[in-house]
N, C-alpha and C. Protein backbone atom coordinates (compact mmCIF):
# COMPACT_ATOMS: atom_id res chain seq x y z
N MET A 1 153.46 82.89 77.64
CA MET A 1 154.26 84.00 77.22
C MET A 1 153.99 85.21 76.29
N ARG A 2 153.21 84.88 75.38
CA ARG A 2 152.56 85.67 74.30
C ARG A 2 151.71 86.45 74.79
N LEU A 3 150.67 85.85 75.46
CA LEU A 3 149.86 86.67 76.32
C LEU A 3 150.06 87.60 77.30
N ILE A 4 151.35 87.46 77.98
CA ILE A 4 152.04 88.27 78.56
C ILE A 4 152.54 89.50 77.89
N SER A 5 153.00 89.11 76.79
CA SER A 5 153.49 90.16 76.11
C SER A 5 152.63 91.42 75.44
N LEU A 6 151.59 90.78 75.19
CA LEU A 6 150.15 91.46 74.78
C LEU A 6 150.11 92.21 75.84
N LYS A 7 149.96 91.87 76.48
CA LYS A 7 149.14 92.67 77.54
C LYS A 7 150.03 93.67 78.25
N VAL A 8 151.47 93.58 78.40
CA VAL A 8 152.47 94.94 78.41
C VAL A 8 152.60 95.89 77.21
N VAL A 9 152.28 95.18 75.93
CA VAL A 9 152.31 96.06 75.03
C VAL A 9 150.99 97.04 74.97
N ALA A 10 149.88 96.51 75.40
CA ALA A 10 148.60 96.96 75.70
C ALA A 10 148.75 98.29 76.66
N ALA A 11 149.19 97.53 77.60
CA ALA A 11 149.43 99.00 79.10
C ALA A 11 150.64 99.80 78.70
N VAL A 12 151.69 99.84 77.85
CA VAL A 12 152.32 100.76 77.26
C VAL A 12 151.58 101.72 76.43
N ALA A 13 150.63 101.24 75.42
CA ALA A 13 149.86 102.10 74.48
C ALA A 13 148.67 102.66 75.26
N LEU A 14 148.31 102.28 76.13
CA LEU A 14 147.02 102.69 77.00
C LEU A 14 147.82 104.29 77.81
N SER A 15 148.81 103.89 78.14
CA SER A 15 149.54 104.85 79.12
C SER A 15 150.14 106.17 78.28
N LEU A 16 150.55 105.61 77.02
CA LEU A 16 151.01 106.70 76.27
C LEU A 16 149.93 107.62 75.63
N CYS A 17 148.78 106.62 75.29
CA CYS A 17 147.42 107.47 75.18
C CYS A 17 147.02 108.51 76.00
N ALA A 18 147.01 107.82 77.35
CA ALA A 18 146.79 109.17 78.64
C ALA A 18 147.44 110.25 78.86
N VAL A 19 148.78 110.14 78.16
CA VAL A 19 149.48 111.27 78.71
C VAL A 19 149.18 112.83 78.32
N PRO A 20 148.63 112.90 76.99
CA PRO A 20 148.03 114.18 76.36
C PRO A 20 146.78 114.39 77.20
N LEU A 21 146.10 113.56 77.71
CA LEU A 21 144.37 114.04 78.41
C LEU A 21 145.20 114.10 79.77
N VAL A 22 145.98 114.01 80.38
CA VAL A 22 146.60 114.58 81.65
C VAL A 22 147.06 115.76 81.34
N ARG A 23 147.96 116.04 80.35
CA ARG A 23 148.30 117.31 79.85
C ARG A 23 147.62 118.28 79.80
N GLY A 24 146.38 118.10 78.87
CA GLY A 24 145.15 118.63 78.69
C GLY A 24 144.83 119.26 80.05
N SER A 25 144.27 118.19 81.01
CA SER A 25 143.82 118.73 82.13
C SER A 25 144.40 119.75 83.10
N ASP A 26 145.89 119.48 82.77
CA ASP A 26 146.22 120.68 83.60
C ASP A 26 146.38 122.10 82.93
N VAL A 27 146.13 122.06 81.66
CA VAL A 27 145.96 123.43 81.42
C VAL A 27 144.24 123.99 81.58
N GLN A 28 143.44 122.76 81.21
CA GLN A 28 141.91 123.20 81.41
C GLN A 28 141.66 123.70 82.79
N ASP A 29 141.93 122.61 83.36
CA ASP A 29 141.59 122.69 84.92
C ASP A 29 142.71 123.43 86.07
N ALA A 30 143.40 124.48 85.16
CA ALA A 30 144.43 125.05 86.01
C ALA A 30 143.55 126.08 87.13
N ASP A 31 144.33 126.13 88.26
CA ASP A 31 143.74 126.79 89.20
C ASP A 31 144.40 128.18 89.74
N LYS A 32 145.45 128.43 88.77
CA LYS A 32 146.38 129.67 88.83
C LYS A 32 146.94 130.42 87.41
N PHE A 33 147.03 131.17 87.27
CA PHE A 33 147.93 131.47 85.79
C PHE A 33 149.17 131.88 85.88
N ALA A 34 150.27 131.27 85.55
CA ALA A 34 151.81 131.60 85.57
C ALA A 34 152.58 130.93 84.62
N LEU A 35 153.13 132.17 83.81
CA LEU A 35 153.83 131.87 82.76
C LEU A 35 155.35 132.32 83.18
N GLY A 36 156.10 131.39 82.75
CA GLY A 36 157.76 132.12 83.58
C GLY A 36 158.08 131.63 85.10
N GLY A 37 159.30 131.69 85.41
CA GLY A 37 159.62 130.92 86.53
C GLY A 37 158.73 131.40 87.64
N ILE A 38 158.65 130.31 88.96
CA ILE A 38 157.72 130.80 89.78
C ILE A 38 158.48 130.14 91.17
N GLY A 39 158.31 130.81 92.08
CA GLY A 39 158.77 130.81 93.47
C GLY A 39 160.37 130.80 93.59
N VAL A 40 160.96 130.47 94.53
CA VAL A 40 162.41 130.74 94.70
C VAL A 40 163.20 130.35 93.74
N ALA A 41 163.18 129.15 93.30
CA ALA A 41 163.59 128.29 92.28
C ALA A 41 163.27 128.87 91.11
N GLY A 42 162.49 129.04 90.76
CA GLY A 42 161.93 129.89 89.26
C GLY A 42 161.64 128.88 88.43
N THR A 43 160.76 127.78 88.85
CA THR A 43 160.73 126.36 88.33
C THR A 43 159.30 126.87 87.27
N MET A 44 159.19 126.15 86.63
CA MET A 44 157.90 126.23 85.60
C MET A 44 156.59 125.60 86.02
N SER A 45 155.75 126.58 86.01
CA SER A 45 154.09 125.97 86.61
C SER A 45 153.48 124.57 85.65
N LYS A 46 152.85 123.85 86.61
CA LYS A 46 152.25 122.67 85.70
C LYS A 46 151.48 123.29 84.48
N GLY A 47 150.88 124.27 84.54
CA GLY A 47 150.05 124.72 83.52
C GLY A 47 150.81 125.16 82.68
N GLU A 48 151.95 125.73 82.70
CA GLU A 48 152.80 126.18 81.59
C GLU A 48 153.50 124.88 80.75
N ARG A 49 153.84 124.11 81.68
CA ARG A 49 154.38 122.74 81.23
C ARG A 49 153.50 122.02 80.44
N ALA A 50 152.27 122.15 81.00
CA ALA A 50 151.29 121.13 80.09
C ALA A 50 150.79 122.10 78.62
N LEU A 51 151.02 123.47 78.65
CA LEU A 51 150.54 123.81 77.54
C LEU A 51 151.94 123.66 76.34
N ARG A 52 152.72 123.83 76.88
CA ARG A 52 154.13 123.66 76.15
C ARG A 52 153.99 122.37 75.26
N VAL A 53 153.65 121.11 76.00
CA VAL A 53 153.82 120.11 75.40
C VAL A 53 152.17 119.86 74.22
N ILE A 54 151.14 120.79 74.81
CA ILE A 54 150.30 120.58 73.63
C ILE A 54 150.67 121.53 72.19
N LEU A 55 151.57 122.61 72.72
CA LEU A 55 151.71 123.43 71.74
C LEU A 55 152.82 122.61 70.65
N ASP A 56 153.41 121.66 71.29
CA ASP A 56 154.36 120.83 70.58
C ASP A 56 153.66 120.16 69.45
N GLU A 57 152.18 119.99 69.74
CA GLU A 57 151.38 118.92 68.56
C GLU A 57 151.19 119.40 67.39
N PRO A 58 150.77 118.78 66.43
CA PRO A 58 150.28 119.58 65.27
C PRO A 58 149.00 119.85 65.10
N ASP A 59 148.02 119.28 66.05
CA ASP A 59 146.58 119.70 66.02
C ASP A 59 146.71 120.69 67.41
N ALA A 60 147.75 121.41 67.71
CA ALA A 60 147.49 122.00 69.15
C ALA A 60 146.16 123.14 68.99
N ALA A 61 146.26 123.67 67.97
CA ALA A 61 145.01 124.89 68.32
C ALA A 61 143.78 124.09 68.11
N ILE A 62 143.57 122.68 67.78
CA ILE A 62 142.26 122.20 67.67
C ILE A 62 142.10 121.62 69.17
N GLN A 63 143.30 121.20 69.65
CA GLN A 63 143.11 120.64 71.09
C GLN A 63 142.64 121.99 72.18
N LEU A 64 143.28 122.80 71.97
CA LEU A 64 143.06 124.06 72.71
C LEU A 64 141.77 124.60 72.54
N GLU A 65 140.98 124.69 71.25
CA GLU A 65 140.00 125.19 70.92
C GLU A 65 138.89 124.18 71.69
N ARG A 66 138.92 122.81 71.78
CA ARG A 66 138.01 121.78 72.44
C ARG A 66 138.21 122.23 74.02
N MET A 67 139.16 122.52 74.70
CA MET A 67 139.25 122.60 76.07
C MET A 67 138.32 124.08 76.58
N LEU A 68 138.59 124.86 75.85
CA LEU A 68 138.21 126.33 76.17
C LEU A 68 136.81 126.27 76.71
N PRO A 69 135.37 125.67 76.27
CA PRO A 69 134.40 125.99 77.03
C PRO A 69 134.30 125.09 78.38
N HIS A 70 135.19 124.36 78.68
CA HIS A 70 135.19 123.54 79.89
C HIS A 70 136.31 124.27 80.91
N ALA A 71 137.03 124.72 80.74
CA ALA A 71 138.26 125.51 81.07
C ALA A 71 137.81 126.35 82.62
N THR A 72 138.78 126.40 83.28
CA THR A 72 138.68 127.47 84.96
C THR A 72 139.02 128.66 83.70
N ASP A 73 138.93 129.86 84.56
CA ASP A 73 139.67 131.22 84.23
C ASP A 73 140.93 131.22 84.03
N ALA A 74 141.48 130.61 84.73
CA ALA A 74 143.12 130.51 84.51
C ALA A 74 143.41 129.59 83.23
N GLY A 75 142.71 128.49 83.22
CA GLY A 75 142.79 127.50 82.01
C GLY A 75 142.60 128.49 80.60
N ARG A 76 141.35 128.97 80.68
CA ARG A 76 141.22 130.13 79.47
C ARG A 76 142.10 130.99 79.26
N LEU A 77 143.01 131.52 80.10
CA LEU A 77 143.95 132.57 79.69
C LEU A 77 145.21 131.44 78.97
N TYR A 78 145.68 130.41 79.57
CA TYR A 78 146.64 129.54 79.17
C TYR A 78 146.12 129.07 77.72
N ILE A 79 144.74 128.97 77.40
CA ILE A 79 144.33 128.54 75.75
C ILE A 79 144.44 129.85 75.13
N LEU A 80 143.79 131.00 75.64
CA LEU A 80 144.43 131.94 74.89
C LEU A 80 145.79 132.35 74.07
N VAL A 81 146.74 132.42 75.16
CA VAL A 81 148.13 132.48 74.95
C VAL A 81 148.47 131.40 73.86
N GLY A 82 147.93 130.35 74.29
CA GLY A 82 148.55 129.16 73.29
C GLY A 82 148.09 129.38 71.71
N LEU A 83 146.37 129.91 71.47
CA LEU A 83 145.83 129.97 70.36
C LEU A 83 146.30 130.94 69.91
N ARG A 84 146.58 132.29 70.52
CA ARG A 84 147.58 133.80 69.90
C ARG A 84 148.91 132.90 69.01
N MET A 85 149.85 132.08 69.65
CA MET A 85 150.83 131.56 69.03
C MET A 85 150.53 130.74 68.10
N ARG A 86 149.40 129.89 67.81
CA ARG A 86 149.40 128.88 67.12
C ARG A 86 148.39 129.21 65.62
N ASP A 87 147.07 129.81 66.21
CA ASP A 87 146.28 129.86 65.06
C ASP A 87 145.39 131.23 65.35
N ARG A 88 145.79 132.58 64.70
CA ARG A 88 145.35 133.82 65.14
C ARG A 88 143.52 133.82 65.05
N SER A 89 143.10 132.94 64.10
CA SER A 89 141.75 133.28 63.66
C SER A 89 140.89 132.42 64.77
N ALA A 90 141.50 131.55 65.20
CA ALA A 90 141.06 130.70 66.44
C ALA A 90 140.96 131.81 67.64
N TYR A 91 142.47 132.19 68.08
CA TYR A 91 142.24 133.20 69.13
C TYR A 91 141.22 134.39 68.95
N LYS A 92 141.22 134.89 67.91
CA LYS A 92 140.18 136.16 67.78
C LYS A 92 139.00 135.47 68.15
N ARG A 93 138.59 134.42 67.61
CA ARG A 93 137.29 134.00 68.17
C ARG A 93 136.88 133.75 69.65
N ALA A 94 137.92 133.22 70.15
CA ALA A 94 137.82 132.88 71.60
C ALA A 94 138.25 134.21 72.45
N PHE A 95 139.02 135.05 71.88
CA PHE A 95 139.12 136.34 72.69
C PHE A 95 137.74 137.11 72.32
N ASP A 96 137.08 137.15 71.21
CA ASP A 96 135.70 138.00 71.44
C ASP A 96 134.94 137.31 72.09
N SER A 97 134.87 136.01 72.23
CA SER A 97 133.86 135.31 72.89
C SER A 97 133.90 135.14 74.59
N TYR A 98 135.14 135.86 75.09
CA TYR A 98 135.56 136.18 76.18
C TYR A 98 135.56 137.60 76.57
N SER A 99 135.40 138.78 75.28
CA SER A 99 135.55 140.09 75.74
C SER A 99 134.69 140.53 76.88
N GLN A 100 133.61 139.97 77.24
CA GLN A 100 132.91 140.76 78.37
C GLN A 100 132.78 139.88 79.61
N HIS A 101 133.70 138.86 79.64
CA HIS A 101 133.78 137.75 80.78
C HIS A 101 134.53 138.50 81.86
N ASP A 102 134.11 138.42 82.63
CA ASP A 102 134.35 139.18 84.24
C ASP A 102 134.89 138.38 85.09
N GLY A 103 135.71 138.76 86.19
CA GLY A 103 136.25 137.81 87.43
C GLY A 103 137.80 138.13 87.78
N THR A 104 138.23 137.78 88.79
CA THR A 104 139.40 137.40 88.91
C THR A 104 140.14 135.93 89.18
N VAL A 105 141.62 136.48 88.58
CA VAL A 105 142.56 135.25 88.58
C VAL A 105 143.43 134.99 89.34
N GLU A 106 144.00 134.02 90.14
CA GLU A 106 145.00 133.80 90.87
C GLU A 106 146.22 133.79 89.94
N THR A 107 147.29 134.55 90.07
CA THR A 107 148.42 134.71 89.25
C THR A 107 149.61 134.55 90.35
N VAL A 108 150.45 134.04 89.33
CA VAL A 108 151.70 133.51 90.30
C VAL A 108 153.04 134.48 89.25
N GLN A 109 154.22 135.18 89.64
CA GLN A 109 154.89 135.91 89.04
C GLN A 109 156.16 135.83 90.15
N GLY A 110 157.09 134.90 89.57
CA GLY A 110 157.96 134.72 90.75
C GLY A 110 157.65 134.31 92.14
N CYS A 111 157.88 135.15 93.12
CA CYS A 111 157.52 134.80 94.54
C CYS A 111 156.40 135.49 94.91
N MET A 112 155.31 136.14 93.72
CA MET A 112 154.24 137.08 93.97
C MET A 112 153.09 136.22 93.55
N ILE A 113 152.37 136.34 94.59
CA ILE A 113 150.77 135.69 94.37
C ILE A 113 149.88 136.57 94.77
N SER A 114 148.99 136.94 93.33
CA SER A 114 148.06 138.04 93.35
C SER A 114 146.60 137.50 92.80
N ARG A 115 145.99 138.48 92.67
CA ARG A 115 144.69 137.97 91.79
C ARG A 115 144.92 139.34 90.92
N GLU A 116 144.40 138.83 89.78
CA GLU A 116 144.16 140.05 88.94
C GLU A 116 142.83 139.85 87.78
N SER A 117 142.31 140.80 87.34
CA SER A 117 141.11 141.16 86.63
C SER A 117 141.67 140.11 85.35
N PHE A 118 140.48 139.10 85.01
CA PHE A 118 140.47 138.33 83.92
C PHE A 118 140.68 139.43 82.56
N GLN A 119 140.16 140.63 82.55
CA GLN A 119 140.04 141.43 81.47
C GLN A 119 141.29 142.22 81.21
N ALA A 120 141.90 142.29 82.36
CA ALA A 120 143.08 143.11 82.41
C ALA A 120 144.47 141.90 81.85
N LEU A 121 144.14 140.67 82.05
CA LEU A 121 145.06 139.50 81.83
C LEU A 121 144.77 139.29 80.29
N MET A 122 143.59 139.29 79.72
CA MET A 122 143.27 139.11 78.34
C MET A 122 143.99 140.24 77.50
N ARG A 123 143.91 141.46 78.04
CA ARG A 123 144.50 143.13 77.35
C ARG A 123 146.01 142.77 77.14
N GLU A 124 146.65 141.89 78.16
CA GLU A 124 148.06 141.53 78.42
C GLU A 124 148.35 140.51 77.20
N ILE A 125 147.73 139.52 77.06
CA ILE A 125 147.49 138.66 76.14
C ILE A 125 147.69 139.13 74.80
N ASP A 126 146.95 139.81 74.68
CA ASP A 126 146.43 140.61 73.30
C ASP A 126 147.52 141.31 72.63
N ARG A 127 148.36 141.89 73.83
CA ARG A 127 149.61 143.03 73.15
C ARG A 127 150.66 142.01 73.15
N GLY A 128 150.27 140.65 73.47
CA GLY A 128 151.66 139.83 73.33
C GLY A 128 152.66 139.70 74.53
N ASP A 129 152.04 140.19 75.43
CA ASP A 129 153.05 140.39 76.83
C ASP A 129 153.57 139.16 77.21
N PHE A 130 153.23 137.62 76.90
CA PHE A 130 153.54 136.41 77.38
C PHE A 130 154.23 135.92 76.37
N ASP A 131 153.92 136.42 75.12
CA ASP A 131 154.63 135.56 73.83
C ASP A 131 155.94 135.22 74.21
N GLY A 132 156.93 136.10 74.40
CA GLY A 132 158.25 135.70 74.77
C GLY A 132 158.68 134.75 75.77
N ARG A 133 157.98 134.62 76.77
CA ARG A 133 158.01 133.80 77.72
C ARG A 133 158.24 132.20 77.08
N LEU A 134 157.19 131.94 76.59
CA LEU A 134 156.73 130.54 75.91
C LEU A 134 157.84 130.40 74.70
N LYS A 135 158.46 131.25 74.31
CA LYS A 135 159.57 131.18 73.31
C LYS A 135 160.92 130.66 73.57
N GLN A 136 161.08 131.16 75.15
CA GLN A 136 162.07 131.00 75.83
C GLN A 136 162.54 129.14 75.72
N PRO A 137 163.30 128.82 75.95
CA PRO A 137 163.25 126.98 76.49
C PRO A 137 162.67 126.90 77.57
N ALA A 138 162.29 125.63 78.04
CA ALA A 138 161.84 125.04 79.29
C ALA A 138 162.72 125.07 79.90
N ARG A 139 162.79 125.06 81.22
CA ARG A 139 163.85 124.78 82.28
C ARG A 139 163.08 124.29 83.30
């Protein structure tokens, strides 16, 4: 009986430890950039939900910085938004390191899906255009 209890406790502990990794991968491996409600129902994207989970952690900036080199372009944009909100010096370093990065990223706003320039989205992030969306309560 005691062995079964220990196995259950170990399984629960391991599953709790895995949650941040899954959430982090939802940011890091994002295939589209979408902040604010998307689709007809205005639901929150998986990337935004994962970013919010990370931002609630005391070491959010550290987690985001670690993901940055391995992230997709959409993931990098989520990470830049998060760093801008949590650690301006880390944000500045990350922003500068991608200042010459070229490419396009699939974006979703409401029901509209499009491709936008990575650089144009970085300028929007730098202006703080997405800050308000993350300050609103999650839906």
